[in-house]
């Protein structure tokens, strides 16, 4: 993609990599689909790095603004899905 991911420069290199992996998983859900469990694993790690709901909303809002992909709607769909299910967004 031709945009920069929203990151906090106070995060460690590993945390930045894991947040980017989460956003890449959201992109994958929109572009070709992703396994529910893979996306949930990325989301759980993201929540370890960004535990605050307010901060999550801000970062995911920035991501949606630049990419057009809604992390909120994707995670909502993932939480309603069954284990092993493939998640595809429109």
Protein backbone atom coordinates (compact mmCIF):
# COMPACT_ATOMS: atom_id res chain seq x y z
CA UNK A 1 0.00 0.00 0.00
CA UNK A 2 1.00 3.58 -0.55
CA UNK A 3 0.43 4.92 2.96
CA UNK A 4 2.05 4.86 6.37
CA UNK A 5 0.57 2.91 9.23
CA UNK A 6 -0.33 4.86 12.38
CA UNK A 7 2.32 3.97 14.94
CA UNK A 8 3.51 5.33 18.26
CA UNK A 9 7.25 5.90 18.33
CA UNK A 10 7.30 5.02 22.03
CA UNK A 11 6.59 1.40 21.07
CA UNK A 12 9.47 -1.05 20.78
CA UNK A 13 10.50 -2.32 17.35
CA UNK A 14 8.73 -5.64 18.05
CA UNK A 15 5.54 -3.82 19.05
CA UNK A 16 5.62 -1.70 15.88
CA UNK A 17 6.07 -4.85 13.79
CA UNK A 18 3.13 -6.53 15.55
CA UNK A 19 0.84 -3.50 15.12
CA UNK A 20 1.72 -3.42 11.41
CA UNK A 21 0.93 -7.16 11.21
CA UNK A 22 -2.50 -6.41 12.71
CA UNK A 23 -3.21 -3.74 10.10
CA UNK A 24 -1.96 -6.06 7.36
CA UNK A 25 -4.42 -8.70 8.63
CA UNK A 26 -7.25 -6.13 8.35
CA UNK A 27 -6.13 -5.35 4.79
CA UNK A 28 -6.07 -9.07 3.99
CA UNK A 29 -9.67 -9.43 5.24
CA UNK A 30 -10.73 -6.80 2.69
CA UNK A 31 -8.50 -7.85 -0.19
CA UNK A 32 -8.70 -11.65 -0.22
CA UNK A 33 -10.03 -12.94 3.07
CA UNK A 34 -8.29 -14.26 6.18
CA UNK A 35 -8.82 -17.09 8.65
CA UNK A 36 -10.65 -15.95 11.78
CA UNK A 37 -8.05 -17.44 14.11
CA UNK A 38 -5.16 -15.68 12.34
CA UNK A 39 -6.91 -12.32 12.61
CA UNK A 40 -7.88 -12.90 16.27
CA UNK A 41 -4.25 -13.73 17.11
CA UNK A 42 -3.10 -10.46 15.50
CA UNK A 43 -5.87 -8.54 17.30
CA UNK A 44 -5.02 -10.03 20.72
CA UNK A 45 -1.39 -8.99 20.28
CA UNK A 46 -2.51 -5.52 19.14
CA UNK A 47 -4.60 -5.21 22.34
CA UNK A 48 -1.54 -6.13 24.45
CA UNK A 49 0.24 -3.15 22.89
CA UNK A 50 -2.79 -0.83 22.80
CA UNK A 51 -4.94 -1.82 25.81
CA UNK A 52 -6.82 1.50 26.01
CA UNK A 53 -10.14 1.61 24.10
CA UNK A 54 -9.65 5.34 23.46
CA UNK A 55 -6.17 4.83 22.01
CA UNK A 56 -7.41 1.86 19.95
CA UNK A 57 -10.23 4.01 18.56
CA UNK A 58 -7.78 6.79 17.66
CA UNK A 59 -5.22 4.52 15.98
CA UNK A 60 -7.83 2.46 14.14
CA UNK A 61 -9.60 5.67 13.07
CA UNK A 62 -6.35 6.98 11.60
CA UNK A 63 -5.84 3.68 9.79
CA UNK A 64 -9.37 3.77 8.36
CA UNK A 65 -8.89 7.37 7.22
CA UNK A 66 -5.75 6.56 5.23
CA UNK A 67 -6.69 3.06 4.01
CA UNK A 68 -10.49 3.00 3.82
CA UNK A 69 -10.49 -0.27 5.82
CA UNK A 70 -12.49 -0.40 9.06
CA UNK A 71 -10.70 -2.29 11.85
CA UNK A 72 -13.79 -1.84 14.04
CA UNK A 73 -16.20 -3.50 11.59
CA UNK A 74 -13.71 -6.26 10.80
CA UNK A 75 -13.12 -7.13 14.47
CA UNK A 76 -16.87 -7.01 15.14
CA UNK A 77 -17.39 -9.56 12.34
CA UNK A 78 -14.52 -11.72 13.64
CA UNK A 79 -16.00 -11.84 17.14
CA UNK A 80 -19.31 -13.07 15.70
CA UNK A 81 -17.63 -15.70 13.51
CA UNK A 82 -16.97 -19.35 14.38
CA UNK A 83 -13.44 -20.73 14.87
CA UNK A 84 -11.96 -21.79 11.53
CA UNK A 85 -14.27 -19.50 9.57
CA UNK A 86 -12.82 -17.32 6.78
CA UNK A 87 -13.42 -13.59 7.16
CA UNK A 88 -14.00 -11.47 4.06
CA UNK A 89 -14.95 -7.83 4.14
CA UNK A 90 -16.53 -5.69 1.42
